[in-house]
Amino acid sequence: MKRLLSFLVLSFLLAGCRPTYKDWSQDWNRVFQGYMTGDVVTAKAALLQEEKLVAEHEARGNRGVDFVVVRTVLYTQLCGISDYMGQTNDARLYYQKYLAVSPKNTKTYAELIAADKKEDDLLKPKWRERK
């Protein structure tokens, strides 16, 4: 009986350590603020930090987030910002990552860049206004 009680307490504690959607949202919002700045290098660094955040939350067992969608959007943004910065090798790399994770990977490179630009027109990150 003592073992069972110990196991239940341990299970409860471990389940309590698993991050929730709220944890993800707070972490993502904090990191994503860098994307909205007026500095394109800071914006790209924020996206790269988001990539690490995705891996961290996934490894910790966060089941409240659709990581396929998150990665699809993330690689679209990384492809777009890399293209904007003239880093075509990086842009092509992120396009390949987009193709690997996107459930509907029917967009060409040019279409993906255009989709990212359209999304940024809605978000209005300050770095887009500088060029």
N, C-alpha and C. Protein backbone atom coordinates (compact mmCIF):
# COMPACT_ATOMS: atom_id res chain seq x y z
N MET A 1 0.82 -1.19 0.00
CA MET A 1 0.00 0.00 0.00
C MET A 1 0.87 1.26 0.00
N LYS A 2 1.95 1.22 0.76
CA LYS A 2 2.84 2.36 0.83
C LYS A 2 3.47 2.64 -0.53
N ARG A 3 3.82 1.57 -1.23
CA ARG A 3 4.40 1.71 -2.57
C ARG A 3 3.41 2.35 -3.53
N LEU A 4 2.18 1.91 -3.47
CA LEU A 4 1.15 2.44 -4.35
C LEU A 4 0.95 3.94 -4.09
N LEU A 5 0.90 4.31 -2.83
CA LEU A 5 0.74 5.71 -2.47
C LEU A 5 1.93 6.53 -2.97
N SER A 6 3.13 6.01 -2.80
CA SER A 6 4.33 6.70 -3.29
C SER A 6 4.29 6.85 -4.80
N PHE A 7 3.89 5.82 -5.50
CA PHE A 7 3.79 5.86 -6.95
C PHE A 7 2.76 6.89 -7.40
N LEU A 8 1.64 6.95 -6.73
CA LEU A 8 0.59 7.92 -7.09
C LEU A 8 1.06 9.35 -6.87
N VAL A 9 1.75 9.59 -5.76
CA VAL A 9 2.26 10.93 -5.47
C VAL A 9 3.30 11.32 -6.51
N LEU A 10 4.21 10.40 -6.83
CA LEU A 10 5.23 10.66 -7.84
C LEU A 10 4.60 10.92 -9.21
N SER A 11 3.61 10.14 -9.57
CA SER A 11 2.92 10.34 -10.85
C SER A 11 2.24 11.70 -10.90
N PHE A 12 1.62 12.08 -9.81
CA PHE A 12 0.96 13.38 -9.74
C PHE A 12 1.97 14.51 -9.89
N LEU A 13 3.10 14.39 -9.22
CA LEU A 13 4.13 15.42 -9.30
C LEU A 13 4.71 15.52 -10.71
N LEU A 14 4.96 14.39 -11.34
CA LEU A 14 5.50 14.41 -12.70
C LEU A 14 4.49 14.99 -13.69
N ALA A 15 3.24 14.65 -13.52
CA ALA A 15 2.20 15.19 -14.40
C ALA A 15 2.08 16.69 -14.20
N GLY A 16 2.27 17.16 -12.98
CA GLY A 16 2.20 18.58 -12.69
C GLY A 16 3.35 19.36 -13.30
N CYS A 17 4.44 18.70 -13.63
CA CYS A 17 5.61 19.36 -14.22
C CYS A 17 5.49 19.53 -15.72
N ARG A 18 4.55 18.84 -16.33
CA ARG A 18 4.38 18.92 -17.78
C ARG A 18 3.83 20.29 -18.14
N PRO A 19 4.46 20.96 -19.10
CA PRO A 19 3.99 22.30 -19.47
C PRO A 19 2.62 22.26 -20.14
N THR A 20 1.91 23.34 -20.00
CA THR A 20 0.57 23.47 -20.58
C THR A 20 0.60 24.44 -21.75
N TYR A 21 -0.54 24.59 -22.40
CA TYR A 21 -0.63 25.57 -23.48
C TYR A 21 -0.35 26.97 -22.94
N LYS A 22 -0.79 27.25 -21.73
CA LYS A 22 -0.55 28.56 -21.12
C LYS A 22 0.95 28.81 -20.96
N ASP A 23 1.69 27.79 -20.53
CA ASP A 23 3.15 27.90 -20.42
C ASP A 23 3.76 28.21 -21.78
N TRP A 24 3.32 27.48 -22.80
CA TRP A 24 3.81 27.70 -24.15
C TRP A 24 3.52 29.12 -24.61
N SER A 25 2.29 29.54 -24.40
CA SER A 25 1.86 30.87 -24.85
C SER A 25 2.69 31.98 -24.21
N GLN A 26 2.93 31.85 -22.92
CA GLN A 26 3.74 32.86 -22.22
C GLN A 26 5.17 32.88 -22.75
N ASP A 27 5.77 31.70 -22.90
CA ASP A 27 7.14 31.61 -23.41
C ASP A 27 7.22 32.13 -24.84
N TRP A 28 6.25 31.73 -25.67
CA TRP A 28 6.25 32.13 -27.08
C TRP A 28 6.09 33.65 -27.20
N ASN A 29 5.16 34.22 -26.44
CA ASN A 29 4.95 35.68 -26.50
C ASN A 29 6.20 36.44 -26.12
N ARG A 30 6.89 35.97 -25.10
CA ARG A 30 8.13 36.62 -24.66
C ARG A 30 9.17 36.57 -25.77
N VAL A 31 9.35 35.43 -26.40
CA VAL A 31 10.34 35.27 -27.46
C VAL A 31 9.92 36.03 -28.72
N PHE A 32 8.65 35.97 -29.07
CA PHE A 32 8.18 36.56 -30.32
C PHE A 32 8.26 38.07 -30.33
N GLN A 33 8.32 38.70 -29.17
CA GLN A 33 8.45 40.15 -29.12
C GLN A 33 9.69 40.62 -29.88
N GLY A 34 10.72 39.81 -29.89
CA GLY A 34 11.94 40.15 -30.63
C GLY A 34 11.70 40.23 -32.13
N TYR A 35 10.75 39.45 -32.63
CA TYR A 35 10.43 39.47 -34.06
C TYR A 35 9.80 40.79 -34.47
N MET A 36 9.12 41.43 -33.55
CA MET A 36 8.38 42.64 -33.86
C MET A 36 9.23 43.91 -33.78
N THR A 37 10.50 43.79 -33.42
CA THR A 37 11.37 44.96 -33.26
C THR A 37 11.76 45.56 -34.60
N GLY A 38 12.48 46.66 -34.53
CA GLY A 38 12.95 47.34 -35.72
C GLY A 38 14.26 46.80 -36.26
N ASP A 39 14.83 45.80 -35.59
CA ASP A 39 16.11 45.25 -36.01
C ASP A 39 15.91 43.85 -36.59
N VAL A 40 16.24 43.69 -37.87
CA VAL A 40 16.01 42.43 -38.55
C VAL A 40 16.86 41.30 -37.97
N VAL A 41 18.06 41.61 -37.49
CA VAL A 41 18.92 40.58 -36.89
C VAL A 41 18.29 40.07 -35.60
N THR A 42 17.75 40.99 -34.80
CA THR A 42 17.05 40.61 -33.57
C THR A 42 15.81 39.79 -33.91
N ALA A 43 15.12 40.16 -34.96
CA ALA A 43 13.91 39.44 -35.38
C ALA A 43 14.25 37.99 -35.76
N LYS A 44 15.32 37.81 -36.53
CA LYS A 44 15.69 36.45 -36.92
C LYS A 44 16.16 35.65 -35.69
N ALA A 45 16.89 36.30 -34.80
CA ALA A 45 17.34 35.63 -33.58
C ALA A 45 16.15 35.17 -32.74
N ALA A 46 15.08 35.96 -32.73
CA ALA A 46 13.87 35.58 -32.00
C ALA A 46 13.25 34.32 -32.60
N LEU A 47 13.23 34.25 -33.92
CA LEU A 47 12.69 33.06 -34.58
C LEU A 47 13.55 31.83 -34.29
N LEU A 48 14.85 32.00 -34.26
CA LEU A 48 15.75 30.89 -33.94
C LEU A 48 15.56 30.46 -32.49
N GLN A 49 15.30 31.41 -31.62
CA GLN A 49 15.00 31.08 -30.21
C GLN A 49 13.68 30.34 -30.12
N GLU A 50 12.73 30.72 -30.97
CA GLU A 50 11.44 30.02 -30.99
C GLU A 50 11.63 28.56 -31.40
N GLU A 51 12.54 28.33 -32.35
CA GLU A 51 12.81 26.95 -32.77
C GLU A 51 13.31 26.12 -31.58
N LYS A 52 14.15 26.71 -30.75
CA LYS A 52 14.63 26.02 -29.53
C LYS A 52 13.49 25.82 -28.54
N LEU A 53 12.62 26.81 -28.44
CA LEU A 53 11.48 26.74 -27.54
C LEU A 53 10.55 25.60 -27.93
N VAL A 54 10.33 25.42 -29.22
CA VAL A 54 9.49 24.32 -29.71
C VAL A 54 10.08 22.99 -29.26
N ALA A 55 11.37 22.81 -29.47
CA ALA A 55 12.03 21.57 -29.10
C ALA A 55 11.95 21.34 -27.59
N GLU A 56 12.12 22.40 -26.82
CA GLU A 56 12.07 22.28 -25.36
C GLU A 56 10.68 21.86 -24.88
N HIS A 57 9.66 22.52 -25.39
CA HIS A 57 8.29 22.19 -24.96
C HIS A 57 7.89 20.80 -25.44
N GLU A 58 8.31 20.43 -26.61
CA GLU A 58 8.00 19.09 -27.11
C GLU A 58 8.68 18.03 -26.24
N ALA A 59 9.94 18.25 -25.89
CA ALA A 59 10.69 17.31 -25.07
C ALA A 59 10.09 17.18 -23.66
N ARG A 60 9.53 18.27 -23.17
CA ARG A 60 8.92 18.25 -21.83
C ARG A 60 7.51 17.69 -21.85
N GLY A 61 7.02 17.31 -23.03
CA GLY A 61 5.73 16.64 -23.12
C GLY A 61 4.53 17.54 -23.20
N ASN A 62 4.67 18.75 -23.69
CA ASN A 62 3.54 19.66 -23.82
C ASN A 62 2.64 19.14 -24.94
N ARG A 63 1.46 18.70 -24.55
CA ARG A 63 0.52 18.15 -25.55
C ARG A 63 -0.56 19.16 -25.93
N GLY A 64 -0.48 20.38 -25.39
CA GLY A 64 -1.49 21.37 -25.66
C GLY A 64 -1.21 22.23 -26.88
N VAL A 65 -0.12 21.93 -27.60
CA VAL A 65 0.30 22.76 -28.72
C VAL A 65 0.41 21.89 -29.96
N ASP A 66 -0.09 22.39 -31.09
CA ASP A 66 0.05 21.68 -32.36
C ASP A 66 1.40 22.08 -32.96
N PHE A 67 2.42 21.30 -32.67
CA PHE A 67 3.77 21.64 -33.08
C PHE A 67 3.98 21.56 -34.59
N VAL A 68 3.15 20.82 -35.30
CA VAL A 68 3.23 20.78 -36.76
C VAL A 68 2.88 22.16 -37.32
N VAL A 69 1.81 22.73 -36.83
CA VAL A 69 1.40 24.07 -37.27
C VAL A 69 2.44 25.10 -36.86
N VAL A 70 2.91 25.02 -35.63
CA VAL A 70 3.91 25.97 -35.14
C VAL A 70 5.16 25.92 -36.02
N ARG A 71 5.64 24.73 -36.32
CA ARG A 71 6.85 24.61 -37.15
C ARG A 71 6.59 25.09 -38.58
N THR A 72 5.42 24.81 -39.11
CA THR A 72 5.09 25.26 -40.46
C THR A 72 5.16 26.78 -40.54
N VAL A 73 4.55 27.45 -39.58
CA VAL A 73 4.59 28.92 -39.55
C VAL A 73 6.01 29.41 -39.29
N LEU A 74 6.70 28.78 -38.36
CA LEU A 74 8.06 29.18 -38.02
C LEU A 74 8.99 29.09 -39.22
N TYR A 75 8.95 27.98 -39.94
CA TYR A 75 9.85 27.83 -41.09
C TYR A 75 9.45 28.74 -42.25
N THR A 76 8.17 29.07 -42.34
CA THR A 76 7.75 30.08 -43.31
C THR A 76 8.38 31.42 -42.97
N GLN A 77 8.32 31.79 -41.70
CA GLN A 77 8.89 33.07 -41.27
C GLN A 77 10.42 33.08 -41.41
N LEU A 78 11.07 31.99 -41.05
CA LEU A 78 12.53 31.93 -41.17
C LEU A 78 12.96 31.99 -42.63
N CYS A 79 12.21 31.34 -43.50
CA CYS A 79 12.50 31.40 -44.93
C CYS A 79 12.33 32.84 -45.42
N GLY A 80 11.24 33.47 -45.04
CA GLY A 80 10.96 34.83 -45.48
C GLY A 80 11.97 35.85 -44.98
N ILE A 81 12.34 35.77 -43.71
CA ILE A 81 13.26 36.75 -43.16
C ILE A 81 14.67 36.53 -43.71
N SER A 82 15.04 35.28 -43.93
CA SER A 82 16.35 34.99 -44.52
C SER A 82 16.43 35.53 -45.94
N ASP A 83 15.35 35.34 -46.70
CA ASP A 83 15.29 35.88 -48.06
C ASP A 83 15.37 37.40 -48.02
N TYR A 84 14.65 38.02 -47.13
CA TYR A 84 14.64 39.48 -46.96
C TYR A 84 16.05 39.99 -46.68
N MET A 85 16.80 39.23 -45.88
CA MET A 85 18.16 39.63 -45.50
C MET A 85 19.19 39.30 -46.58
N GLY A 86 18.75 38.65 -47.66
CA GLY A 86 19.67 38.26 -48.72
C GLY A 86 20.45 37.00 -48.40
N GLN A 87 20.02 36.26 -47.40
CA GLN A 87 20.68 35.01 -47.00
C GLN A 87 19.98 33.84 -47.70
N THR A 88 20.25 33.73 -48.99
CA THR A 88 19.50 32.77 -49.80
C THR A 88 19.77 31.32 -49.42
N ASN A 89 20.99 31.00 -48.97
CA ASN A 89 21.27 29.63 -48.54
C ASN A 89 20.41 29.27 -47.33
N ASP A 90 20.33 30.18 -46.35
CA ASP A 90 19.47 29.95 -45.18
C ASP A 90 18.01 29.86 -45.61
N ALA A 91 17.60 30.75 -46.50
CA ALA A 91 16.21 30.74 -46.95
C ALA A 91 15.85 29.40 -47.60
N ARG A 92 16.75 28.88 -48.41
CA ARG A 92 16.51 27.57 -49.06
C ARG A 92 16.47 26.44 -48.03
N LEU A 93 17.34 26.53 -47.02
CA LEU A 93 17.35 25.53 -45.95
C LEU A 93 16.01 25.53 -45.22
N TYR A 94 15.50 26.72 -44.88
CA TYR A 94 14.22 26.79 -44.16
C TYR A 94 13.05 26.43 -45.07
N TYR A 95 13.19 26.65 -46.36
CA TYR A 95 12.15 26.19 -47.29
C TYR A 95 12.10 24.65 -47.27
N GLN A 96 13.26 24.02 -47.25
CA GLN A 96 13.30 22.55 -47.19
C GLN A 96 12.70 22.05 -45.87
N LYS A 97 12.99 22.75 -44.77
CA LYS A 97 12.41 22.37 -43.48
C LYS A 97 10.89 22.56 -43.50
N TYR A 98 10.45 23.64 -44.15
CA TYR A 98 9.01 23.87 -44.31
C TYR A 98 8.37 22.69 -45.06
N LEU A 99 8.99 22.30 -46.17
CA LEU A 99 8.45 21.19 -46.94
C LEU A 99 8.39 19.90 -46.13
N ALA A 100 9.37 19.70 -45.26
CA ALA A 100 9.44 18.48 -44.46
C ALA A 100 8.35 18.41 -43.38
N VAL A 101 7.94 19.56 -42.85
CA VAL A 101 6.97 19.54 -41.75
C VAL A 101 5.55 19.91 -42.15
N SER A 102 5.40 20.64 -43.23
CA SER A 102 4.08 21.13 -43.61
C SER A 102 3.20 19.98 -44.12
N PRO A 103 2.01 19.85 -43.57
CA PRO A 103 1.12 18.79 -44.07
C PRO A 103 0.65 19.05 -45.50
N LYS A 104 0.63 20.33 -45.91
CA LYS A 104 0.23 20.69 -47.27
C LYS A 104 1.38 21.46 -47.90
N ASN A 105 2.43 20.77 -48.22
CA ASN A 105 3.64 21.43 -48.73
C ASN A 105 3.56 21.66 -50.24
N THR A 106 2.52 22.33 -50.65
CA THR A 106 2.29 22.55 -52.07
C THR A 106 2.82 23.89 -52.56
N LYS A 107 3.33 24.71 -51.65
CA LYS A 107 3.82 26.04 -52.05
C LYS A 107 5.22 25.96 -52.62
N THR A 108 5.42 26.74 -53.68
CA THR A 108 6.76 26.89 -54.21
C THR A 108 7.52 27.86 -53.31
N TYR A 109 8.80 27.98 -53.54
CA TYR A 109 9.63 28.91 -52.78
C TYR A 109 9.08 30.33 -52.89
N ALA A 110 8.79 30.75 -54.11
CA ALA A 110 8.27 32.11 -54.33
C ALA A 110 6.92 32.31 -53.64
N GLU A 111 6.07 31.31 -53.68
CA GLU A 111 4.77 31.41 -53.02
C GLU A 111 4.92 31.50 -51.50
N LEU A 112 5.89 30.78 -50.96
CA LEU A 112 6.12 30.82 -49.52
C LEU A 112 6.63 32.20 -49.09
N ILE A 113 7.53 32.76 -49.87
CA ILE A 113 8.04 34.10 -49.58
C ILE A 113 6.89 35.11 -49.64
N ALA A 114 6.04 35.00 -50.65
CA ALA A 114 4.90 35.91 -50.79
C ALA A 114 3.92 35.74 -49.62
N ALA A 115 3.70 34.50 -49.18
CA ALA A 115 2.80 34.25 -48.05
C ALA A 115 3.36 34.87 -46.77
N ASP A 116 4.67 34.76 -46.59
CA ASP A 116 5.30 35.37 -45.41
C ASP A 116 5.17 36.89 -45.45
N LYS A 117 5.39 37.47 -46.59
CA LYS A 117 5.28 38.93 -46.75
C LYS A 117 3.85 39.38 -46.44
N LYS A 118 2.89 38.62 -46.92
CA LYS A 118 1.47 38.95 -46.68
C LYS A 118 1.17 38.87 -45.18
N GLU A 119 1.68 37.86 -44.52
CA GLU A 119 1.48 37.73 -43.07
C GLU A 119 2.14 38.89 -42.32
N ASP A 120 3.35 39.25 -42.75
CA ASP A 120 4.03 40.38 -42.12
C ASP A 120 3.30 41.70 -42.36
N ASP A 121 2.62 41.81 -43.49
CA ASP A 121 1.83 43.02 -43.74
C ASP A 121 0.71 43.15 -42.70
N LEU A 122 0.20 42.02 -42.21
CA LEU A 122 -0.81 42.04 -41.16
C LEU A 122 -0.20 42.28 -39.78
N LEU A 123 0.95 41.62 -39.52
CA LEU A 123 1.61 41.75 -38.21
C LEU A 123 2.29 43.11 -38.03
N LYS A 124 2.81 43.63 -39.10
CA LYS A 124 3.53 44.91 -39.12
C LYS A 124 4.76 44.95 -38.20
N PRO A 125 5.70 43.99 -38.38
CA PRO A 125 6.94 44.09 -37.60
C PRO A 125 7.71 45.32 -38.05
N LYS A 126 8.34 45.99 -37.11
CA LYS A 126 9.01 47.26 -37.41
C LYS A 126 10.18 47.09 -38.39
N TRP A 127 10.84 45.94 -38.39
CA TRP A 127 11.97 45.76 -39.29
C TRP A 127 11.54 45.76 -40.75
N ARG A 128 10.32 45.41 -41.06
CA ARG A 128 9.82 45.43 -42.44
C ARG A 128 9.69 46.86 -42.96
N GLU A 129 9.50 47.81 -42.07
CA GLU A 129 9.32 49.22 -42.45
C GLU A 129 10.63 49.89 -42.80
N ARG A 130 11.73 49.29 -42.49
CA ARG A 130 13.04 49.94 -42.65
C ARG A 130 13.63 49.82 -44.04
N LYS A 131 13.13 48.95 -44.86
CA LYS A 131 13.74 48.75 -46.18
C LYS A 131 13.06 49.58 -47.22
